[in-house]
Protein backbone atom coordinates (compact mmCIF):
# COMPACT_ATOMS: atom_id res chain seq x y z
CA MET A 1 44.05 35.76 43.11
CA ARG A 2 40.36 35.87 43.84
CA ILE A 3 39.81 37.44 47.26
CA LEU A 4 36.68 37.87 49.37
CA VAL A 5 36.92 40.55 52.02
CA ALA A 6 34.43 40.79 54.92
CA LEU A 7 34.41 44.27 56.44
CA GLY A 8 33.24 44.59 60.02
CA GLY A 9 30.37 46.95 60.77
CA ASN A 10 32.81 48.86 63.01
CA ALA A 11 34.92 49.64 59.95
CA LEU A 12 32.10 52.01 58.96
CA LEU A 13 30.96 53.15 62.41
CA ARG A 14 33.53 52.93 65.19
CA ARG A 15 32.63 52.71 68.85
CA GLY A 16 31.81 56.11 70.24
CA GLN A 17 31.27 57.79 66.89
CA PRO A 18 27.89 59.40 66.14
CA PRO A 19 25.93 57.39 63.55
CA ASP A 20 25.78 60.34 61.12
CA ALA A 21 25.92 59.75 57.38
CA ASP A 22 28.98 61.96 56.83
CA VAL A 23 30.91 60.06 59.51
CA GLN A 24 30.13 56.70 57.94
CA ARG A 25 30.77 57.96 54.43
CA ALA A 26 34.22 59.16 55.49
CA ASN A 27 34.91 55.76 57.10
CA ALA A 28 33.79 54.01 53.91
CA MET A 29 36.27 56.12 51.92
CA GLY A 30 39.02 55.16 54.36
CA ALA A 31 38.13 51.47 53.96
CA VAL A 32 38.26 51.77 50.18
CA ARG A 33 41.68 53.44 50.33
CA ALA A 34 42.93 50.32 52.13
CA LEU A 35 41.20 47.94 49.70
CA ALA A 36 41.98 49.70 46.42
CA PRO A 37 45.42 48.07 45.98
CA LEU A 38 43.80 44.63 46.29
CA ALA A 39 41.20 45.51 43.67
CA ALA A 40 43.93 46.79 41.31
CA GLY A 41 45.79 43.46 41.32
CA HIS A 42 43.18 40.79 42.09
CA GLU A 43 39.57 39.78 41.63
CA LEU A 44 37.74 41.29 44.62
CA ILE A 45 34.40 40.60 46.33
CA ILE A 46 33.46 42.74 49.35
CA THR A 47 30.92 41.93 52.02
CA HIS A 48 30.24 44.09 55.04
CA GLY A 49 28.60 44.12 58.45
CA ASN A 50 25.57 46.21 59.35
CA GLY A 51 25.13 45.73 63.11
CA PRO A 52 25.49 49.39 64.11
CA GLN A 53 23.50 50.65 61.12
CA VAL A 54 20.58 48.23 61.35
CA GLY A 55 20.31 49.00 65.04
CA VAL A 56 20.00 52.74 64.36
CA LEU A 57 17.28 52.15 61.78
CA ALA A 58 15.47 49.78 64.15
CA VAL A 59 15.34 52.47 66.84
CA GLN A 60 14.06 55.03 64.34
CA SER A 61 11.40 52.63 63.08
CA ALA A 62 10.26 51.70 66.60
CA ALA A 63 9.91 55.39 67.52
CA ASP A 64 8.09 56.48 64.35
CA PRO A 65 4.51 57.44 65.30
CA GLY A 66 3.43 57.16 61.66
CA LEU A 67 4.00 53.40 61.60
CA SER A 68 1.46 50.92 62.95
CA ARG A 69 4.38 48.61 63.73
CA PRO A 70 8.18 48.85 63.22
CA TYR A 71 9.74 47.63 59.97
CA PRO A 72 10.86 43.97 60.23
CA PHE A 73 14.55 43.14 60.29
CA ASP A 74 14.66 41.70 56.77
CA THR A 75 13.46 45.08 55.43
CA LEU A 76 15.87 46.98 57.69
CA GLY A 77 18.69 44.74 56.46
CA ALA A 78 17.81 45.55 52.85
CA GLN A 79 17.85 49.26 53.71
CA THR A 80 21.35 49.03 55.17
CA GLN A 81 22.56 47.07 52.14
CA GLY A 82 21.43 49.88 49.90
CA MET A 83 22.88 52.61 52.12
CA ILE A 84 26.29 51.05 52.83
CA GLY A 85 26.51 49.57 49.33
CA TYR A 86 26.01 53.03 47.88
CA TRP A 87 28.82 54.53 50.01
CA LEU A 88 31.23 51.73 49.07
CA LEU A 89 30.15 51.71 45.43
CA GLN A 90 30.81 55.42 44.97
CA ALA A 91 34.10 55.34 46.87
CA LEU A 92 35.35 52.38 44.80
CA GLN A 93 34.31 54.03 41.54
CA ASN A 94 36.23 57.18 42.48
CA ALA A 95 39.28 55.22 43.63
CA LEU A 96 39.35 52.81 40.63
CA PRO A 97 38.41 54.78 37.52
CA GLY A 98 37.70 52.47 34.59
CA THR A 99 36.86 49.51 36.83
CA GLN A 100 33.32 48.17 36.81
CA VAL A 101 31.88 48.16 40.34
CA VAL A 102 28.54 46.62 41.34
CA SER A 103 26.61 46.83 44.60
CA LEU A 104 24.11 43.98 44.68
CA LEU A 105 21.11 43.59 46.96
CA THR A 106 21.52 40.04 48.26
CA GLN A 107 19.33 37.49 50.06
CA THR A 108 20.62 34.63 52.21
CA LEU A 109 18.60 31.50 52.78
CA VAL A 110 18.31 30.19 56.36
CA SER A 111 16.40 27.34 57.94
CA ALA A 112 12.98 28.24 59.33
CA VAL A 113 13.62 25.85 62.25
CA ASP A 114 17.12 27.07 63.14
CA PRO A 115 17.43 27.01 66.96
CA ALA A 116 18.95 30.49 66.87
CA PHE A 117 15.45 31.93 66.58
CA ASP A 118 14.92 30.89 70.22
CA ASP A 119 18.29 32.19 71.47
CA PRO A 120 19.16 35.71 70.25
CA THR A 121 22.95 36.38 70.33
CA LYS A 122 23.75 38.84 67.50
CA PHE A 123 24.58 42.34 68.72
CA VAL A 124 22.97 45.18 66.73
CA GLY A 125 22.87 48.92 67.14
CA GLN A 126 24.67 51.25 69.44
CA VAL A 127 25.92 50.61 72.95
CA TYR A 128 24.08 51.72 76.11
CA GLU A 129 24.59 51.92 79.80
CA GLN A 130 22.75 49.07 81.56
CA ASP A 131 19.90 51.24 82.90
CA GLU A 132 19.14 52.77 79.49
CA ALA A 133 19.39 49.39 77.73
CA GLU A 134 16.92 47.82 80.15
CA LYS A 135 14.53 50.75 79.74
CA LEU A 136 14.59 50.45 75.96
CA ALA A 137 14.13 46.67 76.22
CA ALA A 138 11.01 47.20 78.31
CA GLU A 139 9.65 49.85 75.93
CA HIS A 140 10.26 47.97 72.67
CA GLY A 141 10.26 44.31 73.69
CA TRP A 142 13.97 43.92 72.95
CA THR A 143 16.42 41.37 74.32
CA VAL A 144 19.63 43.04 75.58
CA ARG A 145 22.94 41.61 76.73
CA ARG A 146 26.28 42.84 78.01
CA ASP A 147 28.84 43.74 75.31
CA GLY A 148 32.09 44.49 77.13
CA ARG A 149 31.34 47.19 79.70
CA PHE A 150 28.24 48.33 77.82
CA TRP A 151 24.91 46.75 76.84
CA ARG A 152 23.42 46.23 73.37
CA ARG A 153 20.37 44.75 71.75
CA VAL A 154 20.61 41.17 70.50
CA VAL A 155 18.55 39.46 67.79
CA PRO A 156 18.40 35.91 66.35
CA SER A 157 21.29 34.97 64.08
CA PRO A 158 20.52 31.75 62.16
CA ARG A 159 23.30 30.04 60.18
CA PRO A 160 23.35 30.86 56.46
CA GLN A 161 22.56 28.03 54.07
CA ARG A 162 23.10 29.66 50.67
CA VAL A 163 23.34 33.12 49.13
CA VAL A 164 20.42 33.20 46.69
CA GLU A 165 22.28 35.34 44.14
CA THR A 166 25.52 33.28 44.12
CA ARG A 167 25.42 32.44 40.40
CA LEU A 168 24.89 36.09 39.46
CA ILE A 169 27.80 37.20 41.70
CA HIS A 170 30.00 34.59 40.02
CA GLN A 171 29.11 35.95 36.59
CA LEU A 172 29.88 39.52 37.63
CA VAL A 173 33.28 38.57 39.09
CA ARG A 174 34.22 36.59 35.97
CA GLY A 175 33.23 39.62 33.95
CA GLY A 176 35.85 41.73 35.77
CA ALA A 177 33.65 43.63 38.20
CA VAL A 178 34.42 44.43 41.82
CA VAL A 179 31.27 43.22 43.61
CA VAL A 180 29.87 44.54 46.88
CA CYS A 181 27.31 42.01 48.11
CA ALA A 182 25.86 40.05 51.05
CA GLY A 183 25.85 43.14 53.24
CA GLY A 184 24.97 42.34 56.84
CA GLY A 185 25.19 38.66 55.97
CA GLY A 186 22.43 39.09 53.37
CA VAL A 187 18.71 39.70 53.84
CA PRO A 188 17.52 36.66 55.86
CA VAL A 189 14.93 34.64 53.95
CA VAL A 190 13.30 31.17 54.26
CA ARG A 191 11.32 28.96 51.91
CA ASN A 192 7.72 29.02 53.06
CA ASP A 193 5.23 26.15 52.93
CA VAL A 194 4.72 26.59 49.16
CA GLY A 195 8.43 26.99 48.37
CA ARG A 196 8.49 30.76 47.94
CA LEU A 197 11.05 33.06 49.52
CA GLU A 198 9.97 35.33 52.37
CA GLY A 199 11.88 37.43 54.88
CA VAL A 200 12.32 36.61 58.59
CA GLU A 201 13.14 38.59 61.74
CA ALA A 202 16.88 37.98 62.10
CA VAL A 203 20.34 39.29 61.31
CA ILE A 204 22.78 36.79 59.79
CA ASP A 205 26.42 36.88 60.83
CA LYS A 206 28.25 38.44 57.91
CA ASP A 207 31.42 36.42 58.52
CA LEU A 208 29.59 33.07 58.28
CA THR A 209 27.88 34.24 55.09
CA GLY A 210 31.24 35.46 53.81
CA ALA A 211 32.81 32.02 54.37
CA LEU A 212 29.88 30.31 52.65
CA LEU A 213 30.08 32.71 49.68
CA ALA A 214 33.88 32.45 49.52
CA GLU A 215 33.62 28.68 49.22
CA SER A 216 30.89 28.88 46.57
CA LEU A 217 32.91 31.40 44.53
CA GLU A 218 36.12 29.32 44.90
CA VAL A 219 38.21 32.24 46.20
CA ASP A 220 41.89 31.86 46.97
CA ALA A 221 41.83 33.98 50.15
CA PHE A 222 39.07 34.92 52.60
CA LEU A 223 39.90 37.95 54.75
CA ILE A 224 37.87 39.15 57.75
CA LEU A 225 38.99 42.74 58.27
CA THR A 226 38.15 44.42 61.53
CA ASP A 227 39.61 46.83 64.13
CA VAL A 228 42.03 44.38 65.76
CA PRO A 229 45.40 43.36 64.28
CA GLU A 230 45.28 39.71 65.38
CA VAL A 231 43.24 37.19 67.29
CA MET A 232 44.53 36.92 70.86
CA ARG A 233 45.23 33.73 72.75
CA HIS A 234 44.02 34.00 76.40
CA HIS A 235 42.38 37.31 75.56
CA GLY A 236 41.91 39.67 78.49
CA THR A 237 44.33 37.81 80.79
CA PRO A 238 47.94 38.48 81.77
CA ARG A 239 48.90 35.63 79.40
CA GLN A 240 47.38 37.36 76.36
CA GLU A 241 49.42 36.95 73.18
CA PRO A 242 48.72 37.29 69.43
CA ILE A 243 48.07 34.25 67.28
CA ARG A 244 49.87 34.72 63.98
CA HIS A 245 50.08 31.57 61.80
CA THR A 246 47.81 28.71 62.82
CA THR A 247 45.62 25.83 61.67
CA PRO A 248 41.86 25.37 62.12
CA TYR A 249 42.54 22.62 64.68
CA GLU A 250 44.78 24.85 66.81
CA LEU A 251 42.46 27.84 66.58
CA ARG A 252 39.33 25.87 67.47
CA ALA A 253 41.07 24.67 70.62
CA GLN A 254 40.83 28.23 72.00
CA ARG A 255 37.69 29.81 73.52
CA PHE A 256 36.23 32.97 72.00
CA PRO A 257 33.10 35.03 72.81
CA ALA A 258 29.99 33.88 70.91
CA GLY A 259 28.83 37.42 70.13
CA SER A 260 32.07 38.81 68.70
CA MET A 261 35.25 36.84 67.86
CA GLY A 262 33.63 33.42 68.05
CA PRO A 263 31.76 33.61 64.71
CA LYS A 264 34.88 35.06 62.98
CA VAL A 265 36.98 32.13 64.16
CA ASP A 266 34.24 29.68 63.17
CA ALA A 267 34.01 31.27 59.73
CA VAL A 268 37.72 31.20 58.88
CA CYS A 269 38.25 27.71 60.30
CA GLY A 270 35.27 26.33 58.41
CA PHE A 271 36.42 27.86 55.15
CA VAL A 272 39.95 26.47 55.46
CA GLU A 273 38.72 23.03 56.54
CA ARG A 274 36.37 22.76 53.56
CA THR A 275 38.64 24.25 50.89
CA GLY A 276 42.26 23.94 51.97
CA ASP A 277 42.76 27.60 51.05
CA MET A 278 43.86 30.59 53.17
CA ALA A 279 41.74 32.70 55.51
CA ALA A 280 42.77 35.46 57.92
CA ILE A 281 41.49 37.85 60.57
CA GLY A 282 43.25 41.19 60.88
CA ALA A 283 43.19 44.96 60.65
CA LEU A 284 41.64 46.66 57.65
CA ASP A 285 44.59 49.04 57.21
CA ARG A 286 46.98 46.07 57.05
CA CYS A 287 45.13 44.03 54.43
CA ALA A 288 48.01 44.10 51.94
CA ASP A 289 50.42 42.93 54.67
CA ILE A 290 48.00 40.12 55.57
CA LEU A 291 48.17 38.75 52.04
CA GLU A 292 51.97 38.82 52.27
CA GLY A 293 51.89 36.92 55.54
CA ALA A 294 53.25 39.87 57.57
CA SER A 295 50.16 40.73 59.64
CA GLY A 296 46.96 39.29 61.02
CA THR A 297 46.01 35.82 62.24
CA ILE A 298 46.50 33.62 59.19
CA VAL A 299 44.79 30.24 59.06
CA THR A 300 45.91 27.54 56.61
CA PRO A 301 45.92 23.72 56.67
CA GLY A 302 49.64 23.67 57.51
CA ALA A 303 50.08 27.05 59.26
CA THR A 304 52.29 28.17 56.34
CA TRP A 305 51.74 31.36 54.28
CA PRO A 306 52.49 32.64 51.72
CA LEU A 307 52.68 29.73 49.35
CA THR A 308 55.07 30.55 46.52
CA SER A 309 52.86 28.77 43.98
CA THR A 310 49.83 30.87 45.01
CA LEU A 311 51.19 34.44 45.20
């Protein structure tokens, strides 16, 4: 099978952990231990989030007295791609000796007139108490919103149109490489008035980019791996229950938060609707079980998985 895995940013930096390099490197090694069996038996493409990491770099940039202005978010996104890509690349090379592994700096095209630029919703960076979040917002011109019981910065998150390096990724996968790409949803770029690419101030949802790339690469399974075992119906209420096998129609009938589970549900449903293949949301450490149909929220056209002819 050809599988595209989208790792959540929290897979590399969990809530409450300090954003130190050694902490995130250890988490990257743990993620690779879970993914290595997939890479050994299938073609594997890995994308990853960068919300916590790009937020840390944004704070550092805003506080640097040597800069006349902070680095823009496209540049910060490229920095996180290099940093996280390096950690995953090295861990994969150590876990899969003899396998070619590539970490590719990737751009994602968005529309310059996307309405998301006027309505920031994408959470980035660490969590704060409300008073501290509002103070930082006043100091740096941020927009902040509630994220659970904490507060976080939010930035525009336009919908991805195309991963610029799609053809190159396809060539690398066909050549037998494990490819790490489209980190943080890809560096957000637009076509300017003369048709040239240029970066914009945004963070693209990595799950929506993952679905777009999975479709373009004609993968057999698209897995969004995070820190929850399943999507919950009636989440946060006494009627809460896990959703196991479902269809895009059934899943879209539920309501999910726009800043967290909503884009994940949108991504897997859109992929299945457009391709007829399998997508799932589940826990990173259960990724092999997800492929076997024993874990996660699995989305297919007929709510049936596995298909004997596919596995």
